[in-house]
Structure formats: C-alpha cells, structure tokens
Protein backbone atom coordinates (compact mmCIF):
# COMPACT_ATOMS: atom_id res chain seq x y z
CA MET A 1 34.97 42.17 47.83
CA GLN A 2 35.19 42.51 44.05
CA MET A 3 32.21 41.01 42.18
CA THR A 4 30.33 41.18 38.91
CA VAL A 5 26.60 41.02 38.29
CA PHE A 6 25.49 39.78 34.88
CA GLY A 7 22.17 41.23 33.78
CA THR A 8 21.12 44.77 34.65
CA GLY A 9 17.36 44.45 34.52
CA TYR A 10 15.18 44.68 37.62
CA LEU A 11 16.99 41.93 39.54
CA GLY A 12 20.53 42.56 38.35
CA ALA A 13 20.58 46.35 38.65
CA THR A 14 19.06 46.19 42.13
CA HIS A 15 21.49 43.52 43.30
CA ALA A 16 24.51 45.34 41.87
CA ALA A 17 23.59 48.66 43.47
CA CYS A 18 22.78 47.08 46.83
CA MET A 19 26.01 45.05 46.89
CA ALA A 20 27.89 48.31 46.33
CA GLU A 21 25.85 49.88 49.13
CA LEU A 22 27.15 47.11 51.40
CA GLY A 23 30.69 48.24 50.57
CA HIS A 24 31.64 45.82 47.80
CA ASN A 25 33.22 46.88 44.49
CA VAL A 26 30.75 45.88 41.79
CA LEU A 27 30.82 45.71 38.01
CA GLY A 28 27.41 45.36 36.33
CA VAL A 29 27.50 43.60 32.96
CA ASP A 30 24.95 43.54 30.15
CA VAL A 31 24.90 43.13 26.37
CA ASP A 32 22.36 45.95 26.06
CA GLU A 33 24.49 49.02 25.32
CA ALA A 34 21.62 51.47 25.82
CA LYS A 35 20.85 50.06 29.26
CA ILE A 36 24.50 50.20 30.29
CA ALA A 37 24.79 53.80 29.04
CA SER A 38 21.73 54.78 31.06
CA LEU A 39 22.96 53.13 34.27
CA THR A 40 26.44 54.59 33.84
CA LYS A 41 24.85 58.05 33.84
CA GLY A 42 23.07 57.12 37.07
CA GLU A 43 19.64 56.65 35.51
CA VAL A 44 17.51 53.71 36.66
CA PRO A 45 15.46 52.47 33.68
CA PHE A 46 12.55 51.39 35.92
CA PHE A 47 10.88 52.57 39.11
CA GLU A 48 11.88 51.03 42.41
CA PRO A 49 11.66 53.09 45.63
CA GLY A 50 15.08 53.98 47.03
CA LEU A 51 17.12 52.49 44.19
CA GLN A 52 17.92 55.76 42.41
CA ASP A 53 19.64 57.22 45.48
CA ILE A 54 21.68 54.08 46.08
CA LEU A 55 22.73 53.86 42.43
CA THR A 56 23.85 57.50 42.29
CA ARG A 57 25.65 57.37 45.62
CA ASN A 58 27.70 54.29 44.78
CA ILE A 59 28.61 55.38 41.24
CA GLN A 60 29.91 58.65 42.69
CA ALA A 61 31.79 56.73 45.39
CA GLY A 62 33.49 54.59 42.73
CA ARG A 63 32.13 51.31 44.06
CA LEU A 64 29.79 50.68 41.12
CA ARG A 65 30.47 50.62 37.38
CA PHE A 66 28.81 49.11 34.33
CA THR A 67 30.16 47.56 31.15
CA THR A 68 29.31 45.45 28.11
CA ASP A 69 32.80 43.93 28.04
CA TYR A 70 32.89 40.32 29.22
CA ARG A 71 36.69 40.23 29.17
CA GLU A 72 36.78 43.15 31.57
CA ALA A 73 34.34 41.30 33.81
CA ALA A 74 36.42 38.12 33.72
CA GLU A 75 39.50 40.05 34.84
CA PHE A 76 37.70 42.24 37.38
CA ALA A 77 36.55 39.59 39.86
CA ASN A 78 36.44 35.92 40.81
CA VAL A 79 32.88 36.10 42.15
CA HIS A 80 30.10 36.49 39.60
CA PHE A 81 26.32 36.76 40.05
CA ILE A 82 23.86 35.83 37.31
CA GLY A 83 20.73 37.98 37.40
CA VAL A 84 19.40 37.73 33.85
CA GLY A 85 15.77 37.10 32.93
CA THR A 86 14.14 33.70 32.48
CA PRO A 87 10.90 34.59 30.66
CA GLN A 88 8.22 32.15 29.63
CA LYS A 89 8.97 30.48 26.30
CA LYS A 90 6.69 31.42 23.45
CA GLY A 91 4.17 28.66 22.82
CA SER A 92 5.10 26.89 26.05
CA ASN A 93 4.78 27.17 29.82
CA ALA A 94 8.47 26.37 30.28
CA ALA A 95 11.09 28.92 31.34
CA ASP A 96 13.46 30.19 28.69
CA THR A 97 16.97 29.81 30.12
CA ARG A 98 18.90 30.90 27.02
CA TYR A 99 20.16 34.10 28.68
CA VAL A 100 21.51 32.19 31.68
CA LYS A 101 23.31 29.76 29.37
CA ALA A 102 24.68 32.66 27.32
CA VAL A 103 26.41 34.12 30.38
CA ILE A 104 28.21 30.81 30.95
CA ASP A 105 29.09 30.43 27.27
CA ASP A 106 30.51 33.94 26.97
CA LEU A 107 32.20 34.27 30.37
CA VAL A 108 33.77 30.91 31.18
CA PRO A 109 36.18 30.74 28.20
CA LEU A 110 37.67 34.05 29.34
CA LEU A 111 38.39 32.97 32.92
CA SER A 112 41.70 32.16 34.57
CA GLY A 113 42.13 31.25 38.20
CA ASP A 114 39.41 30.03 40.56
CA HIS A 115 35.93 31.47 40.07
CA LEU A 116 32.57 31.16 41.79
CA ILE A 117 29.36 31.82 39.84
CA LEU A 118 26.29 32.43 42.00
CA GLY A 119 22.97 32.16 40.19
CA LYS A 120 20.16 34.43 41.35
CA SER A 121 17.79 34.03 38.41
CA THR A 122 14.70 31.88 38.88
CA VAL A 123 15.39 28.68 36.95
CA PRO A 124 13.95 25.17 36.51
CA VAL A 125 15.34 22.61 38.94
CA GLY A 126 18.45 20.98 37.50
CA THR A 127 19.72 24.13 35.79
CA ALA A 128 22.74 24.62 38.08
CA ALA A 129 23.95 21.07 37.48
CA SER A 130 23.58 21.42 33.72
CA LEU A 131 25.43 24.74 33.79
CA GLN A 132 28.25 23.12 35.77
CA LYS A 133 28.65 20.51 33.02
CA ARG A 134 28.49 23.25 30.40
CA ALA A 135 31.24 25.20 32.16
CA LYS A 136 33.42 22.12 32.49
CA LYS A 137 33.31 21.54 28.72
CA LEU A 138 34.12 25.17 28.02
CA LEU A 139 37.12 25.05 30.34
CA ARG A 140 38.41 21.87 28.75
CA THR A 141 38.06 23.02 25.13
CA PRO A 142 37.73 26.82 25.20
CA PRO A 143 37.16 28.61 21.89
CA ASN A 144 39.80 30.99 20.57
CA ARG A 145 37.44 33.91 20.71
CA ALA A 146 34.44 34.89 22.80
CA PRO A 147 31.75 37.25 21.49
CA HIS A 148 31.67 39.91 24.21
CA HIS A 149 35.26 41.10 24.57
CA ASP A 150 36.89 44.36 23.58
CA GLU A 151 37.51 44.12 19.84
CA THR A 152 40.57 46.37 20.24
CA ALA A 153 42.26 44.03 22.70
CA GLU A 154 45.54 42.66 21.41
CA ASN A 155 45.30 39.26 23.06
CA THR A 156 42.33 37.29 21.72
CA ASP A 157 43.71 33.90 22.65
CA SER A 158 42.23 31.79 25.43
CA PRO A 159 43.78 32.44 28.83
CA ALA A 160 46.93 30.45 29.41
CA ALA A 161 46.41 29.98 33.14
CA PRO A 162 44.19 27.06 34.20
CA ALA A 163 40.75 27.93 35.53
CA THR A 164 38.20 26.36 37.82
CA VAL A 165 34.54 27.29 38.04
CA GLU A 166 32.06 26.35 40.74
CA ILE A 167 28.40 27.11 40.20
CA ALA A 168 26.12 27.58 43.20
CA TRP A 169 22.56 28.88 43.45
CA ASN A 170 21.54 31.83 45.59
CA PRO A 171 17.89 32.57 44.67
CA GLU A 172 16.39 36.02 45.07
CA PHE A 173 13.22 36.73 47.02
CA LEU A 174 12.56 40.31 45.99
CA ARG A 175 9.19 42.00 46.28
CA GLU A 176 8.77 44.75 43.73
CA GLY A 177 8.39 48.00 45.62
CA HIS A 178 10.52 46.60 48.46
CA ALA A 179 13.49 45.22 46.52
CA VAL A 180 16.12 47.45 48.11
CA GLU A 181 15.05 46.51 51.63
CA ASP A 182 14.79 42.83 50.66
CA THR A 183 18.37 42.87 49.31
CA LEU A 184 19.99 44.82 52.12
CA ARG A 185 18.00 43.17 54.91
CA PRO A 186 16.67 39.84 53.59
CA ASP A 187 14.41 37.62 55.67
CA ARG A 188 16.62 34.64 54.75
CA ILE A 189 19.57 33.77 52.54
CA VAL A 190 19.44 30.49 50.65
CA LEU A 191 22.54 28.91 49.11
CA GLY A 192 22.58 25.74 47.04
CA VAL A 193 26.04 24.16 46.76
CA ARG A 194 27.56 21.31 44.78
CA ALA A 195 28.99 19.49 47.80
CA LYS A 196 29.65 19.86 51.51
CA ASN A 197 32.52 22.14 52.53
CA SER A 198 32.02 24.05 49.28
CA ARG A 199 34.01 27.24 48.82
CA ALA A 200 30.71 28.87 47.86
CA GLU A 201 29.53 28.92 51.47
CA GLU A 202 32.63 30.77 52.67
CA VAL A 203 32.34 33.33 49.88
CA ALA A 204 28.60 33.84 50.36
CA ARG A 205 29.10 34.43 54.07
CA GLU A 206 31.55 37.18 53.22
CA VAL A 207 29.23 38.69 50.60
CA TYR A 208 26.31 38.84 53.05
CA ALA A 209 28.35 39.48 56.21
CA SER A 210 26.31 42.51 57.27
CA ALA A 211 22.97 40.68 57.00
CA LEU A 212 24.37 37.65 58.82
CA ALA A 213 25.67 39.88 61.59
CA GLU A 214 22.08 41.06 62.12
CA GLY A 215 20.88 37.48 62.54
CA THR A 216 19.50 36.75 59.07
CA PRO A 217 19.00 32.97 58.71
CA PHE A 218 21.57 31.42 56.34
CA LEU A 219 20.32 28.16 54.82
CA VAL A 220 22.81 25.95 53.00
CA MET A 221 21.47 23.04 50.96
CA ASP A 222 22.03 21.18 47.72
CA ARG A 223 21.52 22.97 44.42
CA PRO A 224 18.25 21.28 43.36
CA THR A 225 16.62 22.19 46.68
CA ALA A 226 17.76 25.80 46.41
CA GLU A 227 16.34 26.03 42.89
CA LEU A 228 13.04 24.58 44.11
CA VAL A 229 12.81 26.95 47.09
CA LYS A 230 12.10 30.01 44.94
CA VAL A 231 9.50 28.46 42.63
CA SER A 232 7.85 26.69 45.57
CA ALA A 233 7.57 29.96 47.49
CA ASN A 234 5.98 31.69 44.51
CA ALA A 235 3.65 28.76 43.88
CA PHE A 236 2.49 28.85 47.50
CA LEU A 237 1.86 32.61 47.43
CA ALA A 238 -0.05 32.29 44.16
CA THR A 239 -2.11 29.46 45.63
CA LYS A 240 -2.99 31.51 48.70
CA ILE A 241 -4.10 34.45 46.56
CA SER A 242 -6.17 32.25 44.27
CA PHE A 243 -7.69 30.43 47.23
CA ILE A 244 -9.19 33.60 48.67
CA ASN A 245 -10.31 34.64 45.20
CA ALA A 246 -12.04 31.29 44.74
CA VAL A 247 -13.83 31.89 48.04
CA SER A 248 -14.73 35.37 46.83
CA GLU A 249 -16.59 33.79 43.88
CA VAL A 250 -18.75 31.92 46.40
CA CYS A 251 -19.23 35.09 48.46
CA GLU A 252 -20.50 36.96 45.41
CA ILE A 253 -23.22 34.36 44.87
CA ALA A 254 -24.05 33.71 48.50
CA GLY A 255 -24.13 37.37 49.56
CA GLY A 256 -21.03 37.16 51.75
CA ASP A 257 -18.15 39.62 52.25
CA VAL A 258 -14.79 38.09 51.41
CA THR A 259 -12.81 40.81 53.21
CA ALA A 260 -14.55 40.14 56.53
CA LEU A 261 -14.10 36.42 55.91
CA ALA A 262 -10.35 36.86 55.25
CA ASP A 263 -9.98 38.91 58.43
CA ALA A 264 -11.63 36.12 60.40
CA ILE A 265 -9.59 33.21 59.07
CA GLY A 266 -6.42 35.32 59.12
CA TYR A 267 -6.41 35.28 62.93
CA ASP A 268 -5.58 31.59 62.75
CA GLU A 269 -1.77 31.55 63.08
CA ARG A 270 -1.62 28.53 60.81
CA ILE A 271 -3.17 30.64 58.02
CA GLY A 272 -2.23 34.28 58.61
CA ARG A 273 -3.76 37.36 56.97
CA LYS A 274 -1.00 38.15 54.47
CA PHE A 275 -1.78 37.40 50.82
CA LEU A 276 -5.47 36.89 51.62
CA GLY A 277 -6.47 40.11 49.90
CA ALA A 278 -9.21 39.15 47.45
CA GLY A 279 -9.47 41.12 44.25
CA LEU A 280 -7.98 41.20 40.77
CA GLY A 281 -5.30 38.68 41.65
CA PHE A 282 -1.61 38.48 40.92
CA GLY A 283 0.45 39.51 37.93
CA GLY A 284 3.94 40.81 37.22
CA GLY A 285 7.03 39.16 35.86
CA CYS A 286 7.36 36.40 38.48
CA LEU A 287 4.30 34.62 39.88
CA PRO A 288 2.42 33.90 36.63
CA LYS A 289 5.39 32.65 34.64
CA ASP A 290 7.01 30.89 37.60
CA ILE A 291 4.02 28.70 38.44
CA ARG A 292 3.66 27.78 34.76
CA ALA A 293 7.35 26.95 34.50
CA PHE A 294 7.10 24.90 37.72
CA MET A 295 4.28 22.84 36.18
CA ALA A 296 6.23 22.42 32.95
CA ARG A 297 9.37 21.25 34.72
CA ALA A 298 7.43 18.82 36.91
CA GLY A 299 6.01 17.31 33.73
CA GLU A 300 9.49 16.93 32.25
CA LEU A 301 10.59 15.12 35.40
CA GLY A 302 7.59 12.78 35.32
CA ALA A 303 5.90 14.43 38.32
CA ASP A 304 3.20 16.25 36.37
CA GLN A 305 0.34 15.05 38.61
CA ALA A 306 2.00 16.62 41.65
CA LEU A 307 1.30 20.16 40.45
CA THR A 308 -1.93 19.87 38.47
CA PHE A 309 -3.64 22.05 41.10
CA LEU A 310 -1.56 24.97 39.88
CA ARG A 311 -3.55 24.95 36.64
CA GLU A 312 -6.64 25.86 38.63
CA VAL A 313 -4.66 28.43 40.62
CA ASP A 314 -3.78 30.09 37.31
CA ALA A 315 -7.35 29.78 36.00
CA ILE A 316 -8.90 31.33 39.13
CA ASN A 317 -6.48 34.22 38.85
CA MET A 318 -7.41 34.92 35.23
CA ARG A 319 -11.18 34.68 35.97
CA ARG A 320 -10.96 37.65 38.33
CA ARG A 321 -10.05 39.90 35.43
CA GLU A 322 -13.08 38.75 33.49
CA LYS A 323 -15.27 39.34 36.54
CA MET A 324 -14.11 42.96 36.76
CA VAL A 325 -15.22 43.57 33.18
CA GLU A 326 -18.56 41.84 33.89
CA LEU A 327 -19.18 44.18 36.85
CA ALA A 328 -18.57 47.21 34.64
CA ARG A 329 -20.93 45.85 32.00
CA ARG A 330 -23.60 45.11 34.61
CA VAL A 331 -23.50 48.53 36.23
CA LEU A 332 -23.81 50.15 32.79
CA GLY A 333 -26.97 48.27 31.94
CA GLY A 334 -25.48 45.40 29.96
CA SER A 335 -23.35 47.20 27.40
CA LEU A 336 -20.02 49.00 27.54
CA ILE A 337 -20.30 50.55 24.09
CA GLY A 338 -19.79 54.30 24.22
CA SER A 339 -19.36 54.44 28.00
CA ASN A 340 -16.55 56.30 29.70
CA VAL A 341 -14.58 54.05 32.04
CA THR A 342 -11.61 55.23 34.05
CA VAL A 343 -9.20 52.55 35.24
CA LEU A 344 -7.06 53.65 38.16
CA GLY A 345 -3.86 51.68 37.92
CA ALA A 346 -1.70 50.14 35.21
CA ALA A 347 1.15 48.56 37.16
CA PHE A 348 0.55 45.06 38.48
CA LYS A 349 1.08 46.35 42.04
CA PRO A 350 1.67 49.69 43.76
CA ASP A 351 5.17 51.19 44.11
CA SER A 352 6.16 49.74 40.74
CA ASP A 353 6.05 50.69 37.07
CA ASP A 354 5.99 47.03 35.98
CA VAL A 355 3.08 46.24 33.64
CA ARG A 356 4.11 42.69 32.77
CA ASP A 357 1.00 40.49 32.95
CA SER A 358 -0.70 43.32 34.84
CA PRO A 359 -4.31 42.56 35.86
CA ALA A 360 -5.09 46.28 35.77
CA LEU A 361 -3.89 46.76 32.22
CA SER A 362 -5.53 43.51 31.13
CA VAL A 363 -8.88 44.80 32.40
CA ALA A 364 -8.35 48.15 30.66
CA GLY A 365 -7.65 46.39 27.37
CA SER A 366 -10.71 44.14 27.69
CA LEU A 367 -12.96 47.10 28.47
CA SER A 368 -11.70 48.86 25.36
CA LEU A 369 -12.30 45.79 23.20
CA ALA A 370 -15.86 45.68 24.54
CA GLY A 371 -16.52 49.20 23.23
CA ALA A 372 -15.79 51.45 26.20
CA ASN A 373 -13.81 54.68 26.01
CA VAL A 374 -11.08 53.76 28.46
CA THR A 375 -8.90 56.21 30.38
CA VAL A 376 -5.98 54.82 32.37
CA TYR A 377 -4.09 56.65 35.08
CA ASP A 378 -1.14 55.35 37.10
CA PRO A 379 1.39 57.38 39.12
CA LYS A 380 4.43 55.59 37.65
CA ALA A 381 3.50 53.11 34.90
CA MET A 382 1.94 55.33 32.22
CA GLU A 383 4.81 55.16 29.73
CA ASN A 384 5.07 51.39 29.99
CA ALA A 385 1.30 51.04 29.63
CA LYS A 386 1.31 53.13 26.45
CA LYS A 387 3.73 50.70 24.83
CA ILE A 388 1.21 47.86 25.26
CA PHE A 389 -2.07 49.70 24.69
CA PRO A 390 -1.23 52.91 22.80
CA THR A 391 -4.86 53.57 21.81
CA LEU A 392 -6.16 54.07 25.36
CA ASN A 393 -6.42 57.53 26.92
CA TYR A 394 -3.60 58.52 29.27
CA PRO A 395 -4.25 61.80 31.13
CA ASN A 396 -1.63 63.80 32.98
CA SER A 397 -3.29 63.72 36.38
CA LEU A 398 -5.76 61.82 38.53
CA GLU A 399 -8.14 64.77 38.39
CA GLU A 400 -8.11 64.75 34.59
CA ALA A 401 -8.65 60.99 34.55
CA LEU A 402 -11.83 61.24 36.59
CA ARG A 403 -13.57 63.93 34.54
CA GLY A 404 -16.63 62.63 32.73
CA ALA A 405 -16.30 59.02 33.90
CA ASP A 406 -19.39 56.82 34.08
CA VAL A 407 -17.50 54.13 35.96
CA VAL A 408 -14.30 54.29 37.96
CA ALA A 409 -12.44 51.00 38.41
CA VAL A 410 -9.71 50.81 41.05
CA ALA A 411 -7.33 48.18 39.71
CA THR A 412 -4.04 48.91 41.52
CA GLU A 413 -4.07 49.89 45.17
CA TRP A 414 -1.81 52.93 45.05
CA LYS A 415 -2.01 55.05 48.22
CA GLU A 416 -3.47 58.04 46.38
CA PHE A 417 -6.31 55.86 45.10
CA ARG A 418 -6.99 54.32 48.53
CA GLU A 419 -7.11 57.80 50.07
CA LEU A 420 -9.14 59.43 47.29
CA ASP A 421 -11.93 61.62 48.65
CA PRO A 422 -15.17 60.25 47.16
CA ALA A 423 -16.93 63.62 47.42
CA ARG A 424 -14.13 65.33 45.54
CA ALA A 425 -14.10 62.51 42.97
CA LEU A 426 -17.84 63.03 42.47
CA GLU A 427 -17.23 66.70 41.69
CA LEU A 428 -14.47 65.90 39.24
CA ILE A 429 -16.54 63.51 37.15
CA GLY A 430 -19.31 66.11 37.00
CA ALA A 431 -21.94 64.04 38.77
CA ALA A 432 -22.33 66.48 41.64
CA ALA A 433 -23.75 69.18 39.39
CA PRO A 434 -27.57 69.32 39.09
CA ALA A 435 -29.09 68.22 35.79
CA GLU A 436 -30.02 70.98 33.37
CA GLU A 437 -33.68 71.78 32.92
CA GLY A 438 -35.41 69.24 30.72
CA GLN A 439 -32.74 66.61 31.24
CA GLN A 440 -33.13 63.46 33.29
CA ASP A 441 -30.92 63.08 36.31
CA ARG A 442 -27.73 61.26 35.47
CA PRO A 443 -27.48 57.84 37.16
CA ALA A 444 -25.23 57.78 40.18
CA PRO A 445 -21.71 56.98 39.08
CA ALA A 446 -20.21 53.64 40.03
CA VAL A 447 -16.91 52.71 41.56
CA ILE A 448 -15.68 49.15 41.17
CA ASP A 449 -13.21 48.29 43.89
CA GLY A 450 -11.00 45.71 42.26
CA ARG A 451 -8.67 45.52 45.25
CA ASN A 452 -11.12 45.83 48.16
CA CYS A 453 -9.11 48.82 49.32
CA LEU A 454 -11.85 51.47 49.63
CA ASP A 455 -14.23 52.12 52.49
CA ARG A 456 -17.63 51.11 51.13
CA ALA A 457 -19.71 53.13 53.61
CA THR A 458 -17.82 56.34 52.87
CA TRP A 459 -18.18 56.00 49.11
CA GLU A 460 -21.88 55.12 49.26
CA ALA A 461 -22.54 57.99 51.66
CA ALA A 462 -20.96 60.34 49.12
CA GLY A 463 -23.41 59.20 46.43
CA TRP A 464 -21.54 56.43 44.63
CA ARG A 465 -22.76 53.00 43.65
CA TYR A 466 -20.15 50.66 45.11
CA LEU A 467 -19.25 47.26 43.66
CA ALA A 468 -16.37 45.02 44.62
CA LEU A 469 -14.97 41.61 43.84
CA GLY A 470 -15.98 39.12 46.51
CA VAL A 471 -18.94 41.11 47.83
CA GLY A 472 -22.45 39.82 47.22
C-alpha cells in the first residue's frame, strides 16, 4: 500500500519505518526541516532498540521517504496516519491537540479523491468526531492556499476534483524500548470507525495483514470507545504501579518487604505480577500526561467524580521521588550539603533515552537543589539529561561516575546497573582502601535501590549499606 505518516517523533518515525518494514511504501511528513533532514540521511533522532536498522534498510530499499511538503503527501497516498504529539497544556491538565488539528487544516484542503485518515495519537475522547466536522468544513470551503506546499509549484489553486475524507482512530500501544516489536507484532489492533461497514475496516485489515495472519486480535468499535481504550489502559497501568507504591509506604513503616509482598499477590491470576514493581514510579511522555488529560476530559464531560482517584495515583507517584531524596539525606546524617551522590540513570526507563518527566532525573535535580554534588550516568540519555540539568556532572563511563561517591542511587534499572559487581563498585568509589594513619575510617558507602532491582544480600556482604523503597 501507499501511505503517509504525519509526525516523525517517537510514534510517527517508528510507525513509518515499521510500516515500510511490512512492505508498504511510506512517506513520513513533518514541519520540522531539521528532523526530516536527519531521518532522510538515515539517522534516528532518539534511541529505540532495532529502529535504526529498520530505518536504514527501508530507505535504501526505496520504501521509505520523508518530506515537509504537504502537497506531495496529499498526492502520494489516500491513506494517512496521524502520529503527532499531544502534550499537556501549559497551566492545565488537558491535552494540547493543536498539532493534530493542524494536520487536518493543512492536509484536507489539498486532497482530491477518497481519503482515509487514521489517528494514532493519544487524544481526548470526542476528538475524532470534532476532526471529522473540521474536515467536512474544509472540503466544502477550501482555502486557495495551504501553508505546507511547495512554494515553487505552479498550481496553487484548490483541487478541482471532489474529495471525501473519513477519519477513524487506531490508537498506538507502544512501550518505549519495545516499540518496534509492538508495531510489527502487536498484542491487539484497535480501530474506531464512524459507522458500521466503514471503509476504514477494510483498509486497516490490509495495512495490518501480516499481524492479522498471525492471529492478532482485531477489535472494531466506535470512535469514542477507541479513543478511550488508550487512556484507560494507561490509567490502569498507572493505578497498578501507584497501588504497589502505596503499599510500599506501609511496608517502610511496618518493617515489611514490598518485593516479597508483590511476588505473593502476583501469583493470583486476577492480579498478576506485571507492573507491581515498587520503586520510583512511572514517568515518560505518556502515563503522567495521559492520566491528567483523562481527568481533565472527564471533568469537561461532567464525569469528574468518576476519575478523582487518579489524582491520588498521580500524588503517590510523585511522593516516591521525594522519598528517594529523604533516604539519601537520612543515610548522610541529615544533610546533603557537600556530599557526593551518584545517580545511576537519567531516562525514565531502561532501553530508552527519553527523559520526559523522568523520576531519575527529577531525583537528581532535587538532590542538587538540596546541596549535594550530583553525578548522573546513563547509557543512552546523557545528552538529553544535560539539556534539562546542565549544571550536574556527566561522566563518560560508569566507572568514572562511581569514583568518590558517598551514596549511589540506582534510579533506572538498566541491565548494567542490575548486574553491577558490588565489590568492584566499592573499589571504584575508593571505599575499599584502608584509611590513612591518623584518619577515621570512612563510613560504609550506601546504595539506594530505587527500583528494587539489586540483590540486597550480595551488596551488604560486599560492605555496602543497602536502602530501598518499600523495605522497612
């Protein structure tokens, strides 16, 4: 098939490359000229395992191209995906849908023939219907000129041929670090259509033919339900994470172990063990802003009481970051001023360079504000972290990051942190060396396990003081 993907950020670039990998001819579209130039050269502007190879392979095969020209996109295909961002509005919990609307405003006036627009962006319920009305007006009274066409084109008039546009919603369920696998082999495909017997279903079945052939569930529903599926899924996952973190607060006071507790309740098939990992909580560009936008939209619809519990879900999540800083302060005798604290992790999760609303980076910033000398190391997210907190220390290696640390805080559960040898780490920070004559022995260094991903017995046996969230 021929298709376009509007937006070449994390969602759009991944979807475009993976659709090409499935054999489709794909044109990625964005107004950001620098981003398009980078992708055209085969450079992925973010880290996602496996994506670089797929991007390069399909550009070389001629199945994938990128452009800033909306007129070219309008002429290239009759199937268009919207994968632009819907960030949280400044000063509000609501989602900012201006970029989604902009795609409709700039694309629809250029169309001729029958077109299907499939939304993948996470949007407030009711967005698809409002975009359909928006498109209808643009088709009826199109402007003479649209902003994103080739300025050298001779014909700047509206297309003479009549056009039809159907808008359906096909939400994404990508996990950062697993986005390629989730696109090529999704656990389900959801499609929200305007009416029964919609052309969108036939087209979507062709788009995802390979996944459907492997038995992937294909769920067709109305557009409002499809829009609600994504935000409801994220709200549920956030609630599950905050639930175990709320229990971890009780464990810390009562002397319990939240990891053993989670293992025990996770055997119940009604509960399951996934997303019951207590620790610093969730972050990133989806869960935090999506649950806030869900609450905001419910309020607009007059159903605000239905989702008031999500306020506490959000609050529990943010408290975990404060608790991590409190543990560092406690282990250093009540003050962080002048101490050397190494934070292992900057990305909000492993296998990603995304630092949006990152718990790890939030903790690093708070430690610095409290007077600590903070060193941050992350295998992939260093450059992005520097843009947010340029005054922190960013070493070139894990070994360099550990030298001279009074406290080591594991804030992102990268494999190399989980598998770090505590004896070797002790040598690197200099604690294994005997004190010089006349000096008091240096207190045993402390490791704060913000993700409950280290083996406590091993670290304590090596000479570390071990602290963790959810352990009394």
